[in-house]
Structure formats: C-alpha cells, structure tokens
Amino acid sequence: MGTDLHVLLRSLRVWDPAVTELPPLDPAGAPGDPVELFTRWFAEAVAAGEREPHTVTLATADAEGLPDARIVMLHGADADGWAFATHADSRKGRHLAARPYAALVFYWPVLGRQVRLRGPVAVAPAEEARADLHARSTGALAAALTGRQSAELGSPDELARASEAAWERAGREPDAPVASWTLYRLRPDEVEFFQGEARRRHVRLAYRRTDGDAWDRRLLWP
C-alpha cells in the first residue's frame, strides 16, 4: 500500500457490501420517543458485530465559543438523557462548566447508521457518579485515580509512576473515591437518525423536543 494520501482515499469505499448491511428505515413505523429507537438501533449494532458501538464523539465549546471534539464512552440513555463521564477539571469538564451545551455523534458503519444529538448538559448527583464509576472495571477506576486529565505531562515516566500507584490503590480500595469524577447527562433538544441507502437516498429522521417529553418528527433531505 502506498503512502500518497489522495491515492489511499480514492481506493477506499464507504459501506462495502462485503462488510456492511443497509437495512431499511420506515419513518412511519418509528416510535414516538427517540430513546426507544436509539435502544433498538444500539442493540442491532451490537448484534451486527459493530466494534465498540458504545463509543461516541462528544463536541463541546470553550468559553470563547471555539469548538472541540473527542471520543468518549456512553454510560446510559433514558428519559433523563444520554450519559457520559469525565473529570470536572478536564478540558471537556471545563468547557461544560462554561457552556453547558454539547453534541453527540454515534457512527455504526456496519449498518450505515448515524445518530446525532445536541442539547443542554447537566451534572448528575455525586452519588450517581460514584456508583457509575465503581460499577466499572479496575482499570477504569485506576485511570480515574490517576487524574490530571488534560494537564501538561512532564514525561512518560511521570505518568508511569502515577498510573502504577493508581492501579495499586484501585486493587486495594475498589471503592476509592475520586472527587473530580463527574457523570454528565445530555438531555437532547434534537435527535437525528441517519440510515444510509445504497442509491444515496439516505433516510434522515429528526426528532425535535416540543414541550417537556413530547417530540415532533420530520424528515430531512439527505
């Protein structure tokens, strides 16, 4: 394989039939609540063999309105919102403190699907953040205990020492507290479901919150 970027890009396919199935989406049969459709699509992505379907792009903006994005892990989705977690003093935590509004994008290429959400973000109660963290793996707790996310790192050795100490403590204290660990919930104003179609007649079904938990549905041009 060559190293010319443009040649490589032209050699790639989107939704190769050998590895991708494009199931139909009938908007008329979609449920009235986007959480229900999201749960169904998520289960179908898992069943189809999508790797790490629970990873999602989180987009935030800093105090000056400059955007930033990164991959995080979904911790849940229900009527209260789509949940993710991070340190309150991380870059994304600081962004959300300054501008508590964000967007999420899931992409499941094995089914040619995207789900896009945006809306206000709220901090969950501290006890919920603790329960969420301690229900996860020892590695997740060790990473949280290592802390200092987004701060400047002096050297790889500094990280190695902090990480080793965190792993040791996580094994010794599986309920060790991490004060900065925060569970956030994005309660969307908008949720869009995108289903790819072989002839590029993609289906885009958009839900928009109208009042409380009521939703309006409409189709968008692809």
Foldseek 3Di string as FASTA:
>chain_A
DDDDPVVVVVVDDAQDVVQAAFDDDDVVPDDQAVLVVVVVVLVVLVVSPQPQQQKKKKWFAALVRHIDIDIFGWLDADQQATKTKDFCPAPVNNRCVNPQKIKIWGARRNHQKIKIFIAGKDWDDPVVLLVSQLVDDLLSQLVLQLDPHNPDDPDVVVSVVSSVVSSVVCVVCSSDDRVRMIMMGGNGQKMWMWGADPVRQIWIWMWGDDDSRGTDIDTDGD
